C-alpha atoms as a PDB file:
ATOM      1  CA  MET A   1     -30.114 -19.560  44.977  1.00  0.00           C
ATOM      2  CA  GLU A   2     -28.295 -16.913  42.932  1.00  0.00           C
ATOM      3  CA  THR A   3     -30.392 -14.469  40.951  1.00  0.00           C
ATOM      4  CA  LEU A   4     -29.442 -13.498  37.404  1.00  0.00           C
ATOM      5  CA  SER A   5     -28.247 -10.107  38.640  1.00  0.00           C
ATOM      6  CA  GLU A   6     -25.877 -11.831  41.062  1.00  0.00           C
ATOM      7  CA  LYS A   7     -24.535 -14.060  38.267  1.00  0.00           C
ATOM      8  CA  LEU A   8     -24.199 -11.215  35.750  1.00  0.00           C
ATOM      9  CA  SER A   9     -20.636 -10.522  34.581  1.00  0.00           C
ATOM     10  CA  ASN A  10     -18.794  -9.331  31.487  1.00  0.00           C
ATOM     11  CA  ASP A  11     -18.878 -12.937  30.239  1.00  0.00           C
ATOM     12  CA  THR A  12     -22.656 -13.310  30.559  1.00  0.00           C
ATOM     13  CA  ILE A  13     -24.552 -13.726  27.276  1.00  0.00           C
ATOM     14  CA  THR A  14     -27.832 -11.797  27.298  1.00  0.00           C
ATOM     15  CA  PHE A  15     -29.076 -12.570  23.780  1.00  0.00           C
ATOM     16  CA  GLY A  16     -29.686 -15.280  21.213  1.00  0.00           C
ATOM     17  CA  LYS A  17     -29.338 -19.037  21.511  1.00  0.00           C
ATOM     18  CA  TYR A  18     -26.861 -18.772  24.425  1.00  0.00           C
ATOM     19  CA  LYS A  19     -28.884 -16.316  26.499  1.00  0.00           C
ATOM     20  CA  ASN A  20     -28.038 -16.573  30.238  1.00  0.00           C
ATOM     21  CA  LYS A  21     -25.000 -18.717  29.455  1.00  0.00           C
ATOM     22  CA  THR A  22     -21.366 -17.583  29.430  1.00  0.00           C
ATOM     23  CA  LEU A  23     -18.712 -16.634  26.918  1.00  0.00           C
ATOM     24  CA  SER A  24     -17.022 -20.021  27.315  1.00  0.00           C
ATOM     25  CA  ASP A  25     -20.205 -21.710  26.045  1.00  0.00           C
ATOM     26  CA  VAL A  26     -20.313 -19.463  22.982  1.00  0.00           C
ATOM     27  CA  LEU A  27     -16.627 -19.936  22.159  1.00  0.00           C
ATOM     28  CA  LYS A  28     -17.164 -23.674  21.727  1.00  0.00           C
ATOM     29  CA  ASP A  29     -19.697 -23.062  18.963  1.00  0.00           C
ATOM     30  CA  ARG A  30     -17.225 -22.081  16.256  1.00  0.00           C
ATOM     31  CA  GLU A  31     -19.793 -21.666  13.470  1.00  0.00           C
ATOM     32  CA  TYR A  32     -21.890 -19.363  15.656  1.00  0.00           C
ATOM     33  CA  CYS A  33     -18.764 -17.362  16.569  1.00  0.00           C
ATOM     34  CA  ARG A  34     -17.930 -16.845  12.906  1.00  0.00           C
ATOM     35  CA  TRP A  35     -21.468 -15.630  12.322  1.00  0.00           C
ATOM     36  CA  LEU A  36     -21.395 -13.310  15.349  1.00  0.00           C
ATOM     37  CA  THR A  37     -18.214 -11.551  14.274  1.00  0.00           C
ATOM     38  CA  GLN A  38     -19.885 -10.607  10.995  1.00  0.00           C
ATOM     39  CA  GLN A  39     -22.804  -8.899  12.764  1.00  0.00           C
ATOM     40  CA  GLU A  40     -22.559  -5.115  13.041  1.00  0.00           C
ATOM     41  CA  TRP A  41     -24.887  -4.972  16.065  1.00  0.00           C
ATOM     42  CA  PHE A  42     -22.621  -7.367  17.957  1.00  0.00           C
ATOM     43  CA  ALA A  43     -19.479  -5.327  17.262  1.00  0.00           C
ATOM     44  CA  ASN A  44     -21.207  -2.039  18.153  1.00  0.00           C
ATOM     45  CA  ASN A  45     -23.161  -3.085  21.229  1.00  0.00           C
ATOM     46  CA  TYR A  46     -21.001  -5.770  22.808  1.00  0.00           C
ATOM     47  CA  SER A  47     -17.409  -4.597  22.375  1.00  0.00           C
ATOM     48  CA  TYR A  48     -15.998  -6.712  25.211  1.00  0.00           C
ATOM     49  CA  LEU A  49     -17.570  -9.919  23.935  1.00  0.00           C
ATOM     50  CA  PHE A  50     -16.843  -9.077  20.296  1.00  0.00           C
ATOM     51  CA  ASN A  51     -13.124  -8.586  20.982  1.00  0.00           C
ATOM     52  CA  ARG A  52     -12.842 -11.899  22.794  1.00  0.00           C
ATOM     53  CA  VAL A  53     -14.802 -13.874  20.221  1.00  0.00           C
ATOM     54  CA  ASN A  54     -12.911 -12.212  17.373  1.00  0.00           C
ATOM     55  CA  THR A  55      -9.443 -12.908  18.794  1.00  0.00           C
ATOM     56  CA  TYR A  56     -10.061 -16.364  20.243  1.00  0.00           C
ATOM     57  CA  GLU A  57      -8.000 -19.023  18.481  1.00  0.00           C
ATOM     58  CA  PRO A  58      -8.573 -22.383  20.197  1.00  0.00           C
ATOM     59  CA  LEU A  59      -5.750 -24.193  18.417  1.00  0.00           C
ATOM     60  CA  THR A  60      -3.140 -21.997  20.088  1.00  0.00           C
ATOM     61  CA  TYR A  61      -3.966 -23.747  23.377  1.00  0.00           C
ATOM     62  CA  PHE A  62      -3.196 -27.173  21.943  1.00  0.00           C
ATOM     63  CA  ILE A  63      -0.245 -26.659  19.573  1.00  0.00           C
ATOM     64  CA  GLU A  64       3.363 -26.272  20.673  1.00  0.00           C
ATOM     65  CA  PRO A  65       4.935 -23.297  18.878  1.00  0.00           C
ATOM     66  CA  LEU A  66       7.890 -23.821  16.576  1.00  0.00           C
ATOM     67  CA  ARG A  67      11.307 -23.012  17.941  1.00  0.00           C
ATOM     68  CA  GLY A  68      12.071 -19.365  18.628  1.00  0.00           C
ATOM     69  CA  GLU A  69      13.922 -16.948  16.400  1.00  0.00           C
ATOM     70  CA  GLY A  70      17.606 -17.590  15.985  1.00  0.00           C
ATOM     71  CA  GLU A  71      17.142 -21.347  16.129  1.00  0.00           C
ATOM     72  CA  GLU A  72      16.896 -23.588  13.107  1.00  0.00           C
ATOM     73  CA  LYS A  73      13.243 -24.301  12.337  1.00  0.00           C
ATOM     74  CA  GLU A  74      13.937 -26.968   9.738  1.00  0.00           C
ATOM     75  CA  GLU A  75      10.927 -25.714   7.758  1.00  0.00           C
ATOM     76  CA  ASP A  76      11.350 -28.406   5.142  1.00  0.00           C
ATOM     77  CA  ASN A  77      10.905 -31.140   7.756  1.00  0.00           C
ATOM     78  CA  PHE A  78       7.236 -32.138   7.745  1.00  0.00           C
ATOM     79  CA  MET A  79       7.563 -34.189  10.914  1.00  0.00           C
ATOM     80  CA  LEU A  80       8.744 -31.138  12.868  1.00  0.00           C
ATOM     81  CA  THR A  81       6.611 -28.445  11.320  1.00  0.00           C
ATOM     82  CA  TYR A  82       3.208 -30.097  10.865  1.00  0.00           C
ATOM     83  CA  GLN A  83       1.253 -28.443  13.642  1.00  0.00           C
ATOM     84  CA  PHE A  84      -0.787 -31.489  14.668  1.00  0.00           C
ATOM     85  CA  PHE A  85       2.412 -33.418  15.259  1.00  0.00           C
ATOM     86  CA  ARG A  86       3.147 -30.758  17.898  1.00  0.00           C
ATOM     87  CA  LEU A  87       0.195 -31.332  20.213  1.00  0.00           C
ATOM     88  CA  LYS A  88       0.781 -30.276  23.803  1.00  0.00           C
ATOM     89  CA  CYS A  89       0.678 -32.637  26.753  1.00  0.00           C
ATOM     90  CA  MET A  90      -2.473 -32.488  28.840  1.00  0.00           C
ATOM     91  CA  LYS A  91      -0.667 -30.813  31.743  1.00  0.00           C
ATOM     92  CA  ASP A  92       0.383 -27.953  29.453  1.00  0.00           C
ATOM     93  CA  ILE A  93      -3.131 -27.139  28.223  1.00  0.00           C
ATOM     94  CA  ASP A  94      -4.068 -23.753  29.666  1.00  0.00           C
ATOM     95  CA  LEU A  95      -7.810 -24.245  29.267  1.00  0.00           C
ATOM     96  CA  LEU A  96     -10.482 -25.398  31.679  1.00  0.00           C
ATOM     97  CA  LEU A  97     -11.548 -28.697  30.128  1.00  0.00           C
ATOM     98  CA  THR A  98     -14.340 -30.912  31.394  1.00  0.00           C
ATOM     99  CA  ASP A  99     -13.554 -34.481  32.428  1.00  0.00           C
ATOM    100  CA  ASP A 100     -15.055 -35.765  29.172  1.00  0.00           C
ATOM    101  CA  GLU A 101     -13.016 -33.279  27.152  1.00  0.00           C
ATOM    102  CA  LYS A 102      -9.848 -34.437  28.896  1.00  0.00           C
ATOM    103  CA  LYS A 103     -10.633 -38.028  27.914  1.00  0.00           C
ATOM    104  CA  CYS A 104     -11.318 -36.921  24.347  1.00  0.00           C
ATOM    105  CA  TYR A 105      -7.994 -35.090  24.149  1.00  0.00           C
ATOM    106  CA  GLU A 106      -6.132 -38.005  25.726  1.00  0.00           C
ATOM    107  CA  TYR A 107      -7.520 -40.327  23.054  1.00  0.00           C
ATOM    108  CA  TYR A 108      -6.957 -37.819  20.259  1.00  0.00           C
ATOM    109  CA  THR A 109      -3.287 -37.288  21.108  1.00  0.00           C
ATOM    110  CA  GLU A 110      -2.821 -41.044  21.339  1.00  0.00           C
ATOM    111  CA  LEU A 111      -4.215 -41.526  17.834  1.00  0.00           C
ATOM    112  CA  VAL A 112      -2.174 -38.704  16.316  1.00  0.00           C
ATOM    113  CA  ASN A 113       1.024 -39.809  18.043  1.00  0.00           C
ATOM    114  CA  ASN A 114       0.464 -43.346  16.753  1.00  0.00           C
ATOM    115  CA  ILE A 115       0.301 -41.956  13.217  1.00  0.00           C
ATOM    116  CA  LYS A 116       3.480 -40.003  13.822  1.00  0.00           C
ATOM    117  CA  ASP A 117       5.257 -43.050  15.284  1.00  0.00           C
ATOM    118  CA  LYS A 118       4.344 -45.147  12.229  1.00  0.00           C
ATOM    119  CA  ILE A 119       5.959 -42.596   9.933  1.00  0.00           C
ATOM    120  CA  VAL A 120       9.085 -42.367  12.089  1.00  0.00           C
ATOM    121  CA  ALA A 121       9.410 -46.165  12.094  1.00  0.00           C
ATOM    122  CA  ARG A 122       9.132 -46.257   8.295  1.00  0.00           C
ATOM    123  CA  ILE A 123      11.764 -43.521   7.992  1.00  0.00           C
ATOM    124  CA  GLU A 124      14.139 -45.406  10.292  1.00  0.00           C
ATOM    125  CA  ASN A 125      13.563 -48.593   8.279  1.00  0.00           C
ATOM    126  CA  GLU A 126      14.340 -46.614   5.109  1.00  0.00           C
ATOM    127  CA  GLU A 127      11.086 -47.679   3.483  1.00  0.00           C
ATOM    128  CA  GLU A 128      10.399 -46.308   0.020  1.00  0.00           C
ATOM    129  CA  ASN A 129       7.580 -43.958   1.016  1.00  0.00           C
ATOM    130  CA  PRO A 130       7.388 -43.414   4.792  1.00  0.00           C
ATOM    131  CA  TYR A 131       4.058 -41.586   4.428  1.00  0.00           C
ATOM    132  CA  ASP A 132       2.300 -44.591   2.906  1.00  0.00           C
ATOM    133  CA  ILE A 133       0.739 -45.646   6.215  1.00  0.00           C
ATOM    134  CA  LYS A 134      -2.545 -47.385   6.960  1.00  0.00           C
ATOM    135  CA  ALA A 135      -5.329 -45.280   8.395  1.00  0.00           C
ATOM    136  CA  PRO A 136      -6.662 -46.191  11.860  1.00  0.00           C
ATOM    137  CA  THR A 137      -9.829 -48.276  11.795  1.00  0.00           C
ATOM    138  CA  ARG A 138     -12.880 -48.338  14.087  1.00  0.00           C
ATOM    139  CA  TRP A 139     -11.327 -45.656  16.235  1.00  0.00           C
ATOM    140  CA  LEU A 140     -14.666 -44.092  17.193  1.00  0.00           C
ATOM    141  CA  LEU A 141     -16.008 -47.458  18.294  1.00  0.00           C
ATOM    142  CA  LYS A 142     -12.851 -48.074  20.323  1.00  0.00           C
ATOM    143  CA  PHE A 143     -13.282 -44.663  21.952  1.00  0.00           C
ATOM    144  CA  GLU A 144     -16.845 -45.515  22.995  1.00  0.00           C
ATOM    145  CA  LYS A 145     -15.813 -48.860  24.446  1.00  0.00           C
ATOM    146  CA  ARG A 146     -12.807 -47.528  26.346  1.00  0.00           C
ATOM    147  CA  TYR A 147     -14.408 -44.471  27.923  1.00  0.00           C
ATOM    148  CA  GLU A 148     -18.119 -45.360  27.763  1.00  0.00           C
ATOM    149  CA  ILE A 149     -18.726 -41.985  26.145  1.00  0.00           C
ATOM    150  CA  LYS A 150     -20.662 -41.613  22.911  1.00  0.00           C
ATOM    151  CA  ARG A 151     -18.784 -40.688  19.758  1.00  0.00           C
ATOM    152  CA  ASP A 152     -20.882 -37.529  19.373  1.00  0.00           C
ATOM    153  CA  VAL A 153     -19.112 -36.133  22.437  1.00  0.00           C
ATOM    154  CA  PHE A 154     -15.743 -36.781  20.803  1.00  0.00           C
ATOM    155  CA  LYS A 155     -16.865 -35.166  17.546  1.00  0.00           C
ATOM    156  CA  SER A 156     -18.241 -32.169  19.447  1.00  0.00           C
ATOM    157  CA  PHE A 157     -14.925 -31.803  21.276  1.00  0.00           C
ATOM    158  CA  LEU A 158     -12.982 -31.671  18.002  1.00  0.00           C
ATOM    159  CA  SER A 159     -15.407 -29.139  16.564  1.00  0.00           C
ATOM    160  CA  SER A 160     -15.346 -26.953  19.688  1.00  0.00           C
ATOM    161  CA  TYR A 161     -11.570 -26.522  19.512  1.00  0.00           C
ATOM    162  CA  GLU A 162     -11.083 -26.732  15.732  1.00  0.00           C
ATOM    163  CA  LEU A 163      -9.020 -29.897  15.955  1.00  0.00           C
ATOM    164  CA  PRO A 164      -9.162 -31.827  12.663  1.00  0.00           C
ATOM    165  CA  ASN A 165     -10.763 -35.234  12.493  1.00  0.00           C
ATOM    166  CA  LEU A 166      -8.493 -38.200  11.770  1.00  0.00           C
ATOM    167  CA  PRO A 167      -9.283 -38.441   8.022  1.00  0.00           C
ATOM    168  CA  TYR A 168      -7.947 -34.895   7.523  1.00  0.00           C
ATOM    169  CA  ILE A 169      -4.670 -35.758   9.239  1.00  0.00           C
ATOM    170  CA  ILE A 170      -4.259 -38.969   7.223  1.00  0.00           C
ATOM    171  CA  GLU A 171      -5.002 -37.000   4.050  1.00  0.00           C
ATOM    172  CA  LYS A 172      -2.284 -34.457   4.935  1.00  0.00           C
ATOM    173  CA  VAL A 173       0.222 -37.238   5.610  1.00  0.00           C
ATOM    174  CA  LYS A 174      -0.625 -39.023   2.365  1.00  0.00           C
ATOM    175  CA  ASN A 175      -0.338 -35.779   0.400  1.00  0.00           C
ATOM    176  CA  GLU A 176       3.134 -35.259   1.841  1.00  0.00           C
ATOM    177  CA  GLY A 177       4.076 -38.597   0.298  1.00  0.00           C
ATOM    178  CA  GLY A 178       2.434 -37.728  -3.024  1.00  0.00           C
ATOM    179  CA  LEU A 179      -0.433 -40.136  -2.376  1.00  0.00           C
ATOM    180  CA  VAL A 180      -4.174 -39.679  -2.748  1.00  0.00           C
ATOM    181  CA  TYR A 181      -6.317 -40.573   0.251  1.00  0.00           C
ATOM    182  CA  LYS A 182      -9.979 -41.011  -0.613  1.00  0.00           C
ATOM    183  CA  GLY A 183     -11.073 -41.497   2.977  1.00  0.00           C
ATOM    184  CA  ALA A 184     -11.054 -37.776   3.702  1.00  0.00           C
ATOM    185  CA  GLN A 185     -12.925 -37.070   0.470  1.00  0.00           C
ATOM    186  CA  SER A 186     -15.638 -39.555   1.447  1.00  0.00           C
ATOM    187  CA  PHE A 187     -15.754 -38.062   4.934  1.00  0.00           C
ATOM    188  CA  ASN A 188     -16.121 -34.554   3.495  1.00  0.00           C
ATOM    189  CA  ILE A 189     -18.911 -35.618   1.141  1.00  0.00           C
ATOM    190  CA  ALA A 190     -20.816 -37.367   3.929  1.00  0.00           C
ATOM    191  CA  LYS A 191     -20.359 -34.407   6.265  1.00  0.00           C
ATOM    192  CA  LYS A 192     -21.541 -31.960   3.609  1.00  0.00           C
ATOM    193  CA  ARG A 193     -24.634 -34.070   2.928  1.00  0.00           C
ATOM    194  CA  SER A 194     -25.345 -34.302   6.643  1.00  0.00           C
ATOM    195  CA  LEU A 195     -24.996 -30.542   7.177  1.00  0.00           C
ATOM    196  CA  GLU A 196     -27.198 -29.776   4.178  1.00  0.00           C
ATOM    197  CA  GLN A 197     -29.852 -32.163   5.433  1.00  0.00           C
ATOM    198  CA  GLU A 198     -29.775 -30.732   8.966  1.00  0.00           C
ATOM    199  CA  LYS A 199     -30.054 -27.191   7.594  1.00  0.00           C
ATOM    200  CA  TRP A 200     -33.049 -28.230   5.457  1.00  0.00           C
ATOM    201  CA  TRP A 201     -34.895 -29.614   8.488  1.00  0.00           C
ATOM    202  CA  GLU A 202     -33.779 -26.692  10.656  1.00  0.00           C
ATOM    203  CA  ASP A 203     -35.384 -24.216   8.263  1.00  0.00           C
ATOM    204  CA  LEU A 204     -38.574 -26.277   8.123  1.00  0.00           C
ATOM    205  CA  LEU A 205     -38.843 -26.640  11.906  1.00  0.00           C
ATOM    206  CA  LYS A 206     -38.100 -22.963  12.492  1.00  0.00           C
ATOM    207  CA  ARG A 207     -40.932 -22.037  10.150  1.00  0.00           C
ATOM    208  CA  ARG A 208     -43.285 -24.185  12.213  1.00  0.00           C
ATOM    209  CA  TYR A 209     -42.040 -23.555  15.751  1.00  0.00           C
ATOM    210  CA  GLY A 210     -39.952 -20.366  15.631  1.00  0.00           C
ATOM    211  CA  GLU A 211     -37.808 -19.777  18.721  1.00  0.00           C
ATOM    212  CA  ASP A 212     -39.212 -22.873  20.475  1.00  0.00           C
ATOM    213  CA  ILE A 213     -36.783 -25.047  18.505  1.00  0.00           C
ATOM    214  CA  GLY A 214     -33.391 -25.620  20.123  1.00  0.00           C
ATOM    215  CA  ILE A 215     -30.596 -26.538  17.702  1.00  0.00           C
ATOM    216  CA  GLN A 216     -27.778 -28.925  18.663  1.00  0.00           C
ATOM    217  CA  PHE A 217     -29.214 -28.791  22.159  1.00  0.00           C
ATOM    218  CA  LYS A 218     -26.850 -30.129  24.828  1.00  0.00           C
ATOM    219  CA  TYR A 219     -28.244 -31.808  27.925  1.00  0.00           C
ATOM    220  CA  GLU A 220     -26.900 -34.552  30.202  1.00  0.00           C
ATOM    221  CA  LYS A 221     -24.076 -35.568  27.836  1.00  0.00           C
ATOM    222  CA  CYS A 222     -26.521 -35.756  24.922  1.00  0.00           C
ATOM    223  CA  ILE A 223     -26.505 -33.527  21.869  1.00  0.00           C
ATOM    224  CA  PHE A 224     -29.944 -33.443  20.282  1.00  0.00           C
ATOM    225  CA  ASP A 225     -30.171 -32.261  16.682  1.00  0.00           C
ATOM    226  CA  PHE A 226     -33.361 -30.372  17.515  1.00  0.00           C
ATOM    227  CA  LEU A 227     -35.387 -30.133  20.713  1.00  0.00           C
ATOM    228  CA  ASN A 228     -38.785 -28.590  21.347  1.00  0.00           C
ATOM    229  CA  ILE A 229     -39.196 -28.304  25.102  1.00  0.00           C
ATOM    230  CA  SER A 230     -42.707 -26.859  24.864  1.00  0.00           C
ATOM    231  CA  THR A 231     -43.994 -29.990  23.048  1.00  0.00           C
ATOM    232  CA  ASN A 232     -41.580 -32.463  24.706  1.00  0.00           C
ATOM    233  CA  THR A 233     -40.198 -33.571  21.341  1.00  0.00           C
ATOM    234  CA  ILE A 234     -36.772 -34.737  20.228  1.00  0.00           C
ATOM    235  CA  PHE A 235     -36.041 -34.442  16.492  1.00  0.00           C
ATOM    236  CA  GLU A 236     -33.105 -36.486  15.213  1.00  0.00           C
ATOM    237  CA  CYS A 237     -31.716 -36.327  11.648  1.00  0.00           C
ATOM    238  CA  LYS A 238     -30.456 -39.384   9.794  1.00  0.00           C
ATOM    239  CA  LEU A 239     -29.271 -39.505   6.190  1.00  0.00           C
ATOM    240  CA  SER A 240     -30.884 -42.920   5.801  1.00  0.00           C
ATOM    241  CA  LEU A 241     -32.509 -45.706   7.809  1.00  0.00           C
ATOM    242  CA  ASN A 242     -29.117 -47.417   7.892  1.00  0.00           C
ATOM    243  CA  ASP A 243     -27.703 -44.595  10.007  1.00  0.00           C
ATOM    244  CA  PHE A 244     -29.976 -45.338  12.968  1.00  0.00           C
ATOM    245  CA  ASN A 245     -28.006 -45.686  16.221  1.00  0.00           C
ATOM    246  CA  GLU A 246     -29.509 -48.088  18.763  1.00  0.00           C
ATOM    247  CA  ASP A 247     -27.373 -46.896  21.687  1.00  0.00           C
ATOM    248  CA  GLN A 248     -28.179 -43.276  20.934  1.00  0.00           C
ATOM    249  CA  HIS A 249     -31.920 -44.023  20.761  1.00  0.00           C
ATOM    250  CA  LYS A 250     -31.901 -45.797  24.122  1.00  0.00           C
ATOM    251  CA  LYS A 251     -29.815 -43.059  25.721  1.00  0.00           C
ATOM    252  CA  TYR A 252     -32.185 -40.357  24.488  1.00  0.00           C
ATOM    253  CA  LYS A 253     -35.175 -42.294  25.864  1.00  0.00           C
ATOM    254  CA  LEU A 254     -33.435 -42.717  29.203  1.00  0.00           C
ATOM    255  CA  THR A 255     -32.311 -39.082  29.432  1.00  0.00           C
ATOM    256  CA  LEU A 256     -35.644 -37.534  28.450  1.00  0.00           C
ATOM    257  CA  ASP A 257     -38.051 -40.362  29.157  1.00  0.00           C
ATOM    258  CA  LYS A 258     -41.180 -38.213  28.844  1.00  0.00           C
ATOM    259  CA  TYR A 259     -40.181 -36.906  25.405  1.00  0.00           C
ATOM    260  CA  ARG A 260     -41.258 -38.459  22.136  1.00  0.00           C
ATOM    261  CA  ILE A 261     -38.680 -39.017  19.396  1.00  0.00           C
ATOM    262  CA  ILE A 262     -39.262 -38.119  15.768  1.00  0.00           C
ATOM    263  CA  TYR A 263     -36.699 -39.224  13.189  1.00  0.00           C
ATOM    264  CA  LEU A 264     -36.110 -37.029  10.161  1.00  0.00           C
ATOM    265  CA  ILE A 265     -34.794 -39.278   7.381  1.00  0.00           C
ATOM    266  CA  ALA A 266     -33.041 -37.771   4.341  1.00  0.00           C
ATOM    267  CA  LYS A 267     -35.412 -35.054   3.104  1.00  0.00           C
ATOM    268  CA  ASP A 268     -38.324 -37.315   2.317  1.00  0.00           C
ATOM    269  CA  CYS A 269     -39.380 -39.092   5.485  1.00  0.00           C
ATOM    270  CA  VAL A 270     -40.552 -38.521   9.047  1.00  0.00           C
ATOM    271  CA  ILE A 271     -40.794 -41.449  11.454  1.00  0.00           C
ATOM    272  CA  GLU A 272     -43.190 -40.793  14.322  1.00  0.00           C
ATOM    273  CA  MET A 273     -42.176 -43.360  16.926  1.00  0.00           C
ATOM    274  CA  GLU A 274     -45.087 -42.532  19.245  1.00  0.00           C
ATOM    275  CA  TYR A 275     -47.766 -42.848  16.554  1.00  0.00           C
ATOM    276  CA  ARG A 276     -46.005 -45.779  14.851  1.00  0.00           C
ATOM    277  CA  SER A 277     -46.184 -44.042  11.487  1.00  0.00           C
ATOM    278  CA  ILE A 278     -43.805 -43.362   8.609  1.00  0.00           C
ATOM    279  CA  TYR A 279     -44.750 -40.195   6.722  1.00  0.00           C
ATOM    280  CA  THR A 280     -43.022 -39.857   3.372  1.00  0.00           C
ATOM    281  CA  THR A 281     -43.133 -38.177  -0.013  1.00  0.00           C
ATOM    282  CA  ASP A 282     -41.711 -41.387  -1.517  1.00  0.00           C
ATOM    283  CA  PRO A 283     -43.887 -44.257  -0.228  1.00  0.00           C
ATOM    284  CA  ASP A 284     -42.569 -46.803  -2.760  1.00  0.00           C
ATOM    285  CA  LYS A 285     -39.047 -46.380  -1.457  1.00  0.00           C
ATOM    286  CA  TYR A 286     -39.984 -47.113   2.151  1.00  0.00           C
ATOM    287  CA  ALA A 287     -42.559 -49.778   1.262  1.00  0.00           C
ATOM    288  CA  THR A 288     -39.795 -51.665  -0.552  1.00  0.00           C
ATOM    289  CA  TYR A 289     -37.571 -51.385   2.532  1.00  0.00           C
ATOM    290  CA  MET A 290     -40.353 -52.714   4.769  1.00  0.00           C
ATOM    291  CA  MET A 291     -41.135 -55.643   2.453  1.00  0.00           C
ATOM    292  CA  LYS A 292     -37.524 -56.779   2.568  1.00  0.00           C
ATOM    293  CA  LEU A 293     -37.587 -56.997   6.365  1.00  0.00           C
ATOM    294  CA  ASP A 294     -39.239 -60.439   6.280  1.00  0.00           C
ATOM    295  CA  THR A 295     -36.235 -61.973   4.557  1.00  0.00           C
ATOM    296  CA  LYS A 296     -33.535 -59.749   6.031  1.00  0.00           C
ATOM    297  CA  VAL A 297     -30.980 -61.846   7.925  1.00  0.00           C
ATOM    298  CA  ASN A 298     -29.410 -59.270  10.228  1.00  0.00           C
ATOM    299  CA  LYS A 299     -32.234 -57.030  11.305  1.00  0.00           C
ATOM    300  CA  THR A 300     -31.292 -53.844  13.118  1.00  0.00           C
ATOM    301  CA  TYR A 301     -32.939 -52.509  16.258  1.00  0.00           C
ATOM    302  CA  LEU A 302     -34.749 -49.976  14.073  1.00  0.00           C
ATOM    303  CA  ASP A 303     -36.041 -52.765  11.814  1.00  0.00           C
ATOM    304  CA  GLU A 304     -37.647 -54.410  14.829  1.00  0.00           C
ATOM    305  CA  LEU A 305     -39.157 -51.125  15.988  1.00  0.00           C
ATOM    306  CA  ILE A 306     -40.773 -50.137  12.691  1.00  0.00           C
ATOM    307  CA  ALA A 307     -41.759 -53.588  11.402  1.00  0.00           C
ATOM    308  CA  ASP A 308     -45.491 -52.912  11.846  1.00  0.00           C
ATOM    309  CA  PHE A 309     -45.458 -49.140  11.329  1.00  0.00           C
ATOM    310  CA  THR A 310     -47.924 -47.631   8.864  1.00  0.00           C
ATOM    311  CA  ILE A 311     -46.578 -45.857   5.782  1.00  0.00           C
ATOM    312  CA  VAL A 312     -48.460 -42.653   5.021  1.00  0.00           C
ATOM    313  CA  GLU A 313     -47.941 -40.772   1.765  1.00  0.00           C
ATOM    314  CA  ILE A 314     -47.826 -37.014   2.205  1.00  0.00           C
ATOM    315  CA  GLU A 315     -47.099 -34.209  -0.251  1.00  0.00           C
ATOM    316  CA  ASP A 316     -45.718 -31.655   2.211  1.00  0.00           C
ATOM    317  CA  LEU A 317     -43.813 -32.974   5.231  1.00  0.00           C
ATOM    318  CA  SER A 318     -44.079 -29.627   7.016  1.00  0.00           C
ATOM    319  CA  THR A 319     -47.828 -30.170   7.519  1.00  0.00           C
ATOM    320  CA  ILE A 320     -47.085 -33.019   9.953  1.00  0.00           C
ATOM    321  CA  PHE A 321     -45.725 -30.646  12.569  1.00  0.00           C
ATOM    322  CA  GLY A 322     -47.771 -28.347  14.760  1.00  0.00           C
ATOM    323  CA  LYS A 323     -47.684 -24.599  14.372  1.00  0.00           C
ATOM    324  CA  LYS A 324     -46.068 -22.083  16.691  1.00  0.00           C
END
């Protein structure tokens, strides 16, 4: 077995959340990269790594450049100049992608090319506004069914390489036709709420567990919001009870079968699956939800799980968790 000294190279990370991993792992965490490049200690002490993080532009590996100088670029032609209508073929991608990432990119290019083809067809048919196209529906569900890979992997792939999600592309197309697309706005609002909620719980958990908390921890094709290996605990954020994912829950239990799962709901609730308890600062809200379960027609998997859980009112949710 190789020792760390035998593995050590210029690409080895010796600090922070990616300690003992490689530069390629860090480059996929775009938010962390942006933070790193603003740190004086990183620029001063790790020049090699700083230069590579600072100059890395993932999109350049996926986008075909416009025609060279001296040739007509047709800059007023949206169909030719919009960069995400110039995605490279898989064989031309000069990056080492995992098998899952290749499937994600295959599906992504298919979706984007379908959007492009719809516009071209409307132009050829001389329709009044060729950019007034319908947005794809249930595309994440279709991805999961086709490849048997969870949607979180697809979302992580897009984030790792700064490829825009479908609502952003549809919004750009609609804007080109002078149309307003509310889908991207709704997506942005939901994403902002989700990020704010995750940051709220991250700060709380860090205060309780310090460096023992892993954030967006990747293991066996799972991405856990928070993981505490020392206490064998998975923490998963959900904006509401309606966002519970049955397949995800079962996969987490299968992947880390000895770990308990704690759900962090909004900013007012903690569901302790092991202790069959719902701790909340708003007991009336969750009591009302539980009372409606008796008459609810289409109960979810979560509804069945928590039907006999005990609701416990608590003033400070942070007191539920153990200390460092």
